[in-house]
Each structure stands twice: as structure tokens, then as C-alpha cells.
C-alpha atoms as a PDB file:
ATOM      1  CA  MET A   1      22.930  -6.204  15.640  1.00  0.00           C
ATOM      2  CA  VAL A   2      20.560  -3.880  17.467  1.00  0.00           C
ATOM      3  CA  ASP A   3      21.506  -1.028  15.119  1.00  0.00           C
ATOM      4  CA  LYS A   4      20.635  -3.145  12.083  1.00  0.00           C
ATOM      5  CA  ILE A   5      17.236  -3.951  13.558  1.00  0.00           C
ATOM      6  CA  LYS A   6      16.633  -0.250  14.267  1.00  0.00           C
ATOM      7  CA  LEU A   7      17.629   0.654  10.706  1.00  0.00           C
ATOM      8  CA  GLY A   8      15.232  -2.001   9.444  1.00  0.00           C
ATOM      9  CA  VAL A   9      12.458  -0.523  11.579  1.00  0.00           C
ATOM     10  CA  ALA A  10      13.274   2.923  10.184  1.00  0.00           C
ATOM     11  CA  PHE A  11      13.003   1.556   6.655  1.00  0.00           C
ATOM     12  CA  LEU A  12       9.662  -0.012   7.530  1.00  0.00           C
ATOM     13  CA  LEU A  13       8.430   3.321   8.942  1.00  0.00           C
ATOM     14  CA  VAL A  14       9.286   5.069   5.682  1.00  0.00           C
ATOM     15  CA  ALA A  15       7.609   2.294   3.709  1.00  0.00           C
ATOM     16  CA  ALA A  16       4.543   2.509   5.984  1.00  0.00           C
ATOM     17  CA  GLY A  17       4.303   6.260   5.386  1.00  0.00           C
ATOM     18  CA  ILE A  18       4.448   5.750   1.634  1.00  0.00           C
ATOM     19  CA  ALA A  19       1.936   2.886   1.783  1.00  0.00           C
ATOM     20  CA  ALA A  20      -0.409   5.052   3.866  1.00  0.00           C
ATOM     21  CA  PHE A  21      -0.102   7.798   1.243  1.00  0.00           C
ATOM     22  CA  TYR A  22      -1.510   5.448  -1.371  1.00  0.00           C
ATOM     23  CA  ALA A  23      -3.994   3.805   0.999  1.00  0.00           C
ATOM     24  CA  LEU A  24      -5.515   7.191   1.792  1.00  0.00           C
ATOM     25  CA  HIS A  25      -6.095   8.036  -1.875  1.00  0.00           C
ATOM     26  CA  GLU A  26      -9.538   9.456  -1.092  1.00  0.00           C
ATOM     27  CA  SER A  27      -8.295  11.747   1.692  1.00  0.00           C
ATOM     28  CA  ALA A  28      -7.148  15.310   1.332  1.00  0.00           C
ATOM     29  CA  ALA A  29      -3.687  15.850  -0.080  1.00  0.00           C
ATOM     30  CA  VAL A  30      -2.599  17.592   3.125  1.00  0.00           C
ATOM     31  CA  ILE A  31      -3.415  14.518   5.194  1.00  0.00           C
ATOM     32  CA  ARG A  32      -1.634  12.241   2.751  1.00  0.00           C
ATOM     33  CA  LEU A  33       1.450  14.450   2.840  1.00  0.00           C
ATOM     34  CA  ALA A  34       1.322  14.646   6.641  1.00  0.00           C
ATOM     35  CA  VAL A  35       1.292  10.838   6.858  1.00  0.00           C
ATOM     36  CA  VAL A  36       4.395  10.568   4.672  1.00  0.00           C
ATOM     37  CA  LEU A  37       6.188  13.275   6.667  1.00  0.00           C
ATOM     38  CA  LEU A  38       5.204  11.572   9.902  1.00  0.00           C
ATOM     39  CA  GLY A  39       6.708   8.318   8.639  1.00  0.00           C
ATOM     40  CA  LEU A  40       9.899  10.103   7.629  1.00  0.00           C
ATOM     41  CA  LEU A  41      10.186  11.916  10.953  1.00  0.00           C
ATOM     42  CA  ALA A  42       9.587   8.711  12.905  1.00  0.00           C
ATOM     43  CA  ALA A  43      12.226   6.959  10.805  1.00  0.00           C
ATOM     44  CA  ALA A  44      14.681   9.818  11.394  1.00  0.00           C
ATOM     45  CA  GLY A  45      14.025   9.538  15.133  1.00  0.00           C
ATOM     46  CA  VAL A  46      14.769   5.814  15.070  1.00  0.00           C
ATOM     47  CA  VAL A  47      17.905   6.300  12.930  1.00  0.00           C
ATOM     48  CA  TRP A  48      19.113   8.976  15.348  1.00  0.00           C
ATOM     49  CA  THR A  49      19.245   6.379  18.138  1.00  0.00           C
ATOM     50  CA  THR A  50      21.677   4.158  16.190  1.00  0.00           C
ATOM     51  CA  ALA A  51      25.452   4.546  16.118  1.00  0.00           C
ATOM     52  CA  PRO A  52      25.584   5.144  12.338  1.00  0.00           C
ATOM     53  CA  GLY A  53      22.730   7.611  12.693  1.00  0.00           C
ATOM     54  CA  LYS A  54      24.553   9.587  15.370  1.00  0.00           C
ATOM     55  CA  LEU A  55      27.653   9.666  13.170  1.00  0.00           C
ATOM     56  CA  LEU A  56      25.532  10.895  10.267  1.00  0.00           C
ATOM     57  CA  PHE A  57      24.033  13.710  12.330  1.00  0.00           C
ATOM     58  CA  ILE A  58      27.481  14.696  13.663  1.00  0.00           C
ATOM     59  CA  PHE A  59      28.830  14.684  10.098  1.00  0.00           C
ATOM     60  CA  SER A  60      25.910  16.857   8.950  1.00  0.00           C
ATOM     61  CA  LYS A  61      26.508  19.332  11.773  1.00  0.00           C
ATOM     62  CA  GLU A  62      30.229  19.545  10.964  1.00  0.00           C
ATOM     63  CA  SER A  63      29.454  19.976   7.255  1.00  0.00           C
ATOM     64  CA  VAL A  64      27.262  22.986   7.968  1.00  0.00           C
ATOM     65  CA  ALA A  65      29.974  24.477  10.193  1.00  0.00           C
ATOM     66  CA  GLU A  66      32.566  23.907   7.453  1.00  0.00           C
ATOM     67  CA  ALA A  67      30.344  25.519   4.814  1.00  0.00           C
ATOM     68  CA  LYS A  68      30.089  28.607   7.013  1.00  0.00           C
ATOM     69  CA  ARG A  69      33.888  28.893   7.075  1.00  0.00           C
ATOM     70  CA  VAL A  70      34.244  28.825   3.289  1.00  0.00           C
ATOM     71  CA  VAL A  71      35.524  32.056   1.757  1.00  0.00           C
ATOM     72  CA  TRP A  72      33.220  32.649  -1.173  1.00  0.00           C
ATOM     73  CA  PRO A  73      34.478  34.653  -4.177  1.00  0.00           C
ATOM     74  CA  THR A  74      33.334  38.208  -4.658  1.00  0.00           C
ATOM     75  CA  ARG A  75      30.911  39.157  -7.409  1.00  0.00           C
ATOM     76  CA  LYS A  76      33.764  40.639  -9.439  1.00  0.00           C
ATOM     77  CA  GLU A  77      35.852  37.452  -9.155  1.00  0.00           C
ATOM     78  CA  THR A  78      32.863  35.333 -10.122  1.00  0.00           C
ATOM     79  CA  MET A  79      32.117  37.464 -13.183  1.00  0.00           C
ATOM     80  CA  GLN A  80      35.768  37.415 -14.284  1.00  0.00           C
ATOM     81  CA  THR A  81      36.015  33.651 -13.897  1.00  0.00           C
ATOM     82  CA  THR A  82      32.754  33.155 -15.775  1.00  0.00           C
ATOM     83  CA  GLY A  83      34.016  35.407 -18.559  1.00  0.00           C
ATOM     84  CA  VAL A  84      37.232  33.423 -18.873  1.00  0.00           C
ATOM     85  CA  VAL A  85      35.323  30.136 -19.011  1.00  0.00           C
ATOM     86  CA  ILE A  86      32.937  31.425 -21.687  1.00  0.00           C
ATOM     87  CA  ALA A  87      35.792  32.890 -23.726  1.00  0.00           C
ATOM     88  CA  PHE A  88      37.714  29.611 -23.517  1.00  0.00           C
ATOM     89  CA  ALA A  89      34.625  27.658 -24.600  1.00  0.00           C
ATOM     90  CA  VAL A  90      34.102  29.942 -27.617  1.00  0.00           C
ATOM     91  CA  ILE A  91      37.777  29.762 -28.619  1.00  0.00           C
ATOM     92  CA  MET A  92      37.806  25.989 -28.257  1.00  0.00           C
ATOM     93  CA  ALA A  93      34.607  25.692 -30.317  1.00  0.00           C
ATOM     94  CA  LEU A  94      36.119  27.813 -33.097  1.00  0.00           C
ATOM     95  CA  PHE A  95      39.339  25.773 -33.008  1.00  0.00           C
ATOM     96  CA  LEU A  96      37.476  22.465 -33.219  1.00  0.00           C
ATOM     97  CA  TRP A  97      35.301  23.826 -36.035  1.00  0.00           C
ATOM     98  CA  ALA A  98      38.434  24.856 -37.972  1.00  0.00           C
ATOM     99  CA  VAL A  99      40.057  21.442 -37.438  1.00  0.00           C
ATOM    100  CA  ASP A 100      36.868  19.663 -38.487  1.00  0.00           C
ATOM    101  CA  ALA A 101      36.430  21.824 -41.593  1.00  0.00           C
ATOM    102  CA  SER A 102      40.061  21.370 -42.660  1.00  0.00           C
ATOM    103  CA  LEU A 103      39.924  17.614 -42.158  1.00  0.00           C
ATOM    104  CA  MET A 104      36.693  17.500 -44.169  1.00  0.00           C
ATOM    105  CA  MET A 105      38.398  19.367 -47.015  1.00  0.00           C
ATOM    106  CA  VAL A 106      41.353  16.959 -46.933  1.00  0.00           C
ATOM    107  CA  VAL A 107      39.077  13.913 -46.997  1.00  0.00           C
ATOM    108  CA  ASN A 108      37.032  15.379 -49.851  1.00  0.00           C
ATOM    109  CA  LYS A 109      40.217  16.080 -51.861  1.00  0.00           C
ATOM    110  CA  LEU A 110      41.492  12.526 -51.235  1.00  0.00           C
ATOM    111  CA  MET A 111      38.165  11.051 -52.324  1.00  0.00           C
ATOM    112  CA  GLY A 112      38.039  13.183 -55.468  1.00  0.00           C
ATOM    113  CA  ARG A 113      35.041  15.220 -54.464  1.00  0.00           C
ATOM    114  CA  SER A 114      35.037  18.896 -55.224  1.00  0.00           C
ATOM    115  CA  GLU A 115      32.874  21.397 -53.410  1.00  0.00           C
END
């Protein structure tokens, strides 16, 4: 129950930052932006103290570590794969155009139209 209250407070902090942005419509844009960022940072601090928030931050940390372990393709592999995809798309487009054109001719013949 305490976590739900903290999450509610975090939501209210974000809402307060956004409300302050509009309330300070005559202030400099930098101040308005700082108020929104302050609200977001305060909300993040409150969320971090909750159990779901801690799990979220752990998940984020593990995601970054996992992304670092990914073996990315080389430039050559990327270019070859892109070439294959483009070639397939062109071939498929030509095939579908041919099917469409032939079906159009058949329908026109059946309907007695000549072109």
C-alpha cells in the first residue's frame, strides 16, 4: 500500500511540474523547462524508493549490460542484408504488378471490354 501511495505522489510531482510550466507562462523558457525537469527528477526519486521502481532500475541496468554484449553485424553484412531486402522488395513488387495486370486483362476480357 505504501508503494501505491509513493507512486501516486510521483504522479502528482510530474503533474505539478507540468502545471508549473503553464502557470509560469510569462517566465523565461529555461525556467519553465527547469521546473518540469525538477518535477520529473523528484518523481523519479520517489519512484526509486518503491519496490516496483527498484525493479525497474535493475531491469534498466541489466538491459544496458545486455545491449553491450550484443554482437552487431559488420558493415559488409549490413550492406549485403540490405541489398537482399531491397532486391526482394523489387522482385515482389514486379510479381504483384504482373499478377494485377494479368487479372485486369482477364476481367476486361470477361466483361467484353477491349483495350
